Amino acid sequence: MKKLFYALLILISNFLYSQNNFEIDLSSDSYINDSLMLGAPATRNGFGELYTFKIQTNNNISDFGKKIRMKHSIYYFKIQKKNIASGFTEYPQPVAFGYMGKNGKAGYSTKVFFLEGGKYKIDLPKDFNNVELNIDSPTNREYKILQKSLEPFYIKSKNPYQGDSLINIDYTPTSCICQLNKKINCCQLDFKCV
């Protein structure tokens, strides 16, 4: 009976572990023999450990974050005709693909999407600056619902070189922090005190 219990326990733990594994089938004909990066968007100092995931490295995939001693994950891909990356993440991670510009050209990246357990087929176009990737996964679907619910306050940029942003909202709290601390100028914070 004990042996059956241990076998069942191992089977269940492997099943739970496998739900955090991911596989990316990446293609991008425009970048063959060039390099792309996959990693967390810009993070504030001290938050890097939140943005960690593991990808199995090989001749065409290297752990760039480890090389430059970053706390968050960044992987460097030398793009081939077929690129399969397998990895593990403990929880959904916000990530983006990026390209480092060459010959004085600026770098760029896709819009943020969430990397979580599952299989993904991603085809990056030639100029993917600020392109929204259509990743079908539970967290990405929830993220789109959240973006849709915030539409009244959210401006999607039509310019690929400018990010999306929240609009200025006149906020009228019943008790404003300005009244508690006269040193703070609420007008600079886009707040109106009452």
Protein backbone atom coordinates (compact mmCIF):
# COMPACT_ATOMS: atom_id res chain seq x y z
CA MET A 1 0.00 0.00 0.00
CA LYS A 2 2.86 2.37 0.84
CA LYS A 3 4.46 1.77 -2.58
CA LEU A 4 1.20 2.63 -4.31
CA PHE A 5 0.92 5.80 -2.21
CA TYR A 6 4.48 6.90 -3.12
CA ALA A 7 3.94 6.14 -6.80
CA LEU A 8 0.73 8.20 -6.75
CA LEU A 9 2.50 11.04 -4.92
CA ILE A 10 5.30 11.13 -7.53
CA LEU A 11 2.77 11.06 -10.37
CA ILE A 12 0.79 13.95 -8.87
CA SER A 13 3.91 16.05 -8.21
CA ASN A 14 5.10 15.51 -11.79
CA PHE A 15 1.67 16.51 -13.09
CA LEU A 16 1.69 19.72 -11.03
CA TYR A 17 5.26 20.48 -12.09
CA SER A 18 4.42 20.01 -15.76
CA GLN A 19 1.72 22.68 -15.59
CA ASN A 20 4.47 25.28 -15.16
CA ASN A 21 6.52 24.10 -18.14
CA PHE A 22 6.31 26.05 -21.38
CA GLU A 23 7.51 25.61 -24.92
CA ILE A 24 7.94 28.42 -27.44
CA ASP A 25 8.06 27.64 -31.14
CA LEU A 26 9.55 30.90 -32.43
CA SER A 27 9.90 31.81 -36.07
CA SER A 28 11.03 35.07 -37.59
CA ASP A 29 12.36 34.86 -41.13
CA SER A 30 13.51 38.49 -41.03
CA TYR A 31 15.91 37.81 -38.14
CA ILE A 32 17.53 34.51 -39.22
CA ASN A 33 21.18 34.54 -38.05
CA ASP A 34 20.45 37.69 -36.07
CA SER A 35 19.67 37.94 -32.35
CA LEU A 36 16.54 38.61 -30.33
CA MET A 37 16.03 38.79 -26.59
CA LEU A 38 13.18 37.58 -24.39
CA GLY A 39 12.85 38.97 -20.91
CA ALA A 40 10.95 41.02 -18.42
CA PRO A 41 10.22 44.62 -19.33
CA ALA A 42 12.26 47.28 -17.56
CA THR A 43 12.14 46.64 -13.82
CA ARG A 44 12.86 48.81 -10.85
CA ASN A 45 15.87 48.07 -8.73
CA GLY A 46 15.01 45.51 -6.07
CA PHE A 47 12.14 43.88 -7.99
CA GLY A 48 14.25 41.77 -10.38
CA GLU A 49 13.81 38.56 -8.40
CA LEU A 50 10.07 38.66 -9.13
CA TYR A 51 10.72 38.35 -12.86
CA THR A 52 12.48 35.02 -13.12
CA PHE A 53 11.87 32.05 -15.36
CA LYS A 54 14.17 29.39 -16.76
CA ILE A 55 14.79 28.43 -20.39
CA GLN A 56 17.00 25.49 -21.32
CA THR A 57 20.07 26.95 -22.96
CA ASN A 58 21.82 25.55 -26.02
CA ASN A 59 24.07 26.77 -28.87
CA ASN A 60 21.39 29.27 -29.96
CA ILE A 61 19.87 30.29 -26.61
CA SER A 62 21.93 31.80 -23.81
CA ASP A 63 21.10 33.18 -20.38
CA PHE A 64 22.02 36.83 -21.01
CA GLY A 65 20.72 37.97 -17.61
CA LYS A 66 23.12 35.61 -15.86
CA LYS A 67 26.06 36.84 -17.98
CA ILE A 68 25.46 40.45 -17.04
CA ARG A 69 24.47 39.56 -13.45
CA MET A 70 20.88 40.74 -13.65
CA LYS A 71 18.42 39.45 -11.07
CA HIS A 72 15.62 39.12 -13.63
CA SER A 73 15.57 36.71 -16.56
CA ILE A 74 16.73 37.77 -20.03
CA TYR A 75 17.50 35.20 -22.71
CA TYR A 76 19.41 35.82 -25.91
CA PHE A 77 18.24 33.90 -29.03
CA LYS A 78 20.34 33.47 -32.15
CA ILE A 79 17.49 33.01 -34.61
CA GLN A 80 17.47 30.01 -36.90
CA LYS A 81 14.81 28.79 -39.31
CA LYS A 82 13.31 26.71 -36.45
CA ASN A 83 13.64 27.82 -32.81
CA ILE A 84 12.20 25.75 -29.99
CA ALA A 85 12.69 26.99 -26.44
CA SER A 86 11.57 24.94 -23.44
CA GLY A 87 11.45 26.27 -19.93
CA PHE A 88 9.80 26.61 -16.56
CA THR A 89 8.06 29.44 -14.73
CA GLU A 90 6.59 29.29 -11.23
CA TYR A 91 3.84 31.78 -12.12
CA PRO A 92 2.84 33.90 -15.15
CA GLN A 93 5.60 36.38 -16.02
CA PRO A 94 5.26 39.63 -18.00
CA VAL A 95 7.78 39.44 -20.85
CA ALA A 96 8.51 40.92 -24.27
CA PHE A 97 10.71 40.10 -27.23
CA GLY A 98 13.29 42.75 -27.98
CA TYR A 99 15.76 43.61 -30.68
CA MET A 100 18.94 45.57 -30.04
CA GLY A 101 19.39 48.05 -32.86
CA LYS A 102 22.55 47.94 -34.95
CA ASN A 103 24.49 50.57 -36.87
CA GLY A 104 23.09 53.42 -34.80
CA LYS A 105 19.46 52.29 -35.06
CA ALA A 106 17.32 52.21 -31.93
CA GLY A 107 16.26 48.95 -30.33
CA TYR A 108 12.62 48.00 -29.96
CA SER A 109 10.33 45.41 -28.42
CA THR A 110 6.91 43.83 -28.64
CA LYS A 111 4.17 44.80 -26.25
CA VAL A 112 4.23 42.92 -22.97
CA PHE A 113 2.56 39.53 -22.81
CA PHE A 114 2.47 36.88 -20.09
CA LEU A 115 4.60 33.75 -20.24
CA GLU A 116 3.07 30.81 -18.40
CA GLY A 117 2.78 27.05 -18.73
CA GLY A 118 1.75 25.83 -22.18
CA LYS A 119 2.85 25.68 -25.81
CA TYR A 120 3.17 28.81 -27.89
CA LYS A 121 3.72 29.36 -31.60
CA ILE A 122 5.05 32.86 -32.18
CA ASP A 123 5.91 34.38 -35.55
CA LEU A 124 7.58 37.78 -35.27
CA PRO A 125 7.26 40.12 -38.26
CA LYS A 126 10.14 42.18 -39.64
CA ASP A 127 9.38 45.31 -37.62
CA PHE A 128 7.74 44.15 -34.39
CA ASN A 129 8.14 47.43 -32.53
CA ASN A 130 5.23 47.74 -30.09
CA VAL A 131 3.40 44.86 -31.82
CA GLU A 132 0.83 43.06 -29.70
CA LEU A 133 1.35 39.31 -29.90
CA ASN A 134 -1.83 37.26 -29.86
CA ILE A 135 -0.93 34.71 -27.17
CA ASP A 136 -3.87 32.49 -26.20
CA SER A 137 -3.41 31.57 -22.56
CA PRO A 138 -5.51 32.11 -19.40
CA THR A 139 -3.45 35.02 -18.06
CA ASN A 140 -3.21 36.76 -21.45
CA ARG A 141 -7.00 36.46 -21.88
CA GLU A 142 -7.50 37.98 -18.41
CA TYR A 143 -5.00 40.73 -19.26
CA LYS A 144 -7.01 41.62 -22.41
CA ILE A 145 -10.22 41.73 -20.34
CA LEU A 146 -8.50 44.05 -17.86
CA GLN A 147 -7.27 46.30 -20.69
CA LYS A 148 -10.80 46.38 -22.14
CA SER A 149 -12.28 47.33 -18.74
CA LEU A 150 -9.74 50.14 -18.44
CA GLU A 151 -10.44 51.53 -21.94
CA PRO A 152 -12.12 54.68 -20.58
CA PHE A 153 -8.84 55.49 -18.79
CA TYR A 154 -6.35 53.92 -21.19
CA ILE A 155 -4.96 55.30 -24.44
CA LYS A 156 -3.53 52.79 -26.92
CA SER A 157 -0.76 54.46 -28.86
CA LYS A 158 -0.98 54.37 -32.64
CA ASN A 159 2.68 55.41 -32.81
CA PRO A 160 5.04 52.38 -32.63
CA TYR A 161 7.67 54.51 -30.90
CA GLN A 162 5.39 55.65 -28.08
CA GLY A 163 3.96 53.42 -25.39
CA ASP A 164 0.37 53.18 -24.24
CA SER A 165 -0.59 55.34 -21.28
CA LEU A 166 -3.29 56.15 -18.79
CA ILE A 167 -5.18 59.40 -19.25
CA ASN A 168 -5.12 62.12 -16.59
CA ILE A 169 -8.01 61.66 -14.22
CA ASP A 170 -9.31 64.49 -12.04
CA TYR A 171 -9.44 62.85 -8.66
CA THR A 172 -11.47 64.52 -5.94
CA PRO A 173 -10.97 62.65 -2.68
CA THR A 174 -13.26 63.47 0.25
CA SER A 175 -10.21 64.05 2.44
CA CYS A 176 -7.09 65.09 0.57
CA ILE A 177 -3.55 64.49 1.70
CA CYS A 178 -2.89 68.19 0.99
CA GLN A 179 -5.01 69.12 3.95
CA LEU A 180 -2.91 66.84 6.17
CA ASN A 181 0.45 67.97 4.85
CA LYS A 182 0.60 71.48 3.39
CA LYS A 183 4.05 70.77 1.87
CA ILE A 184 2.56 68.62 -0.93
CA ASN A 185 1.25 70.46 -3.97
CA CYS A 186 -1.72 68.43 -5.23
CA CYS A 187 -1.82 70.29 -8.52
CA GLN A 188 1.52 68.75 -9.43
CA LEU A 189 0.03 65.33 -8.73
CA ASP A 190 -3.06 66.01 -10.93
CA PHE A 191 -5.30 65.86 -7.83
CA LYS A 192 -7.91 68.45 -6.93
CA CYS A 193 -8.37 69.01 -3.22
CA VAL A 194 -11.76 69.77 -1.72
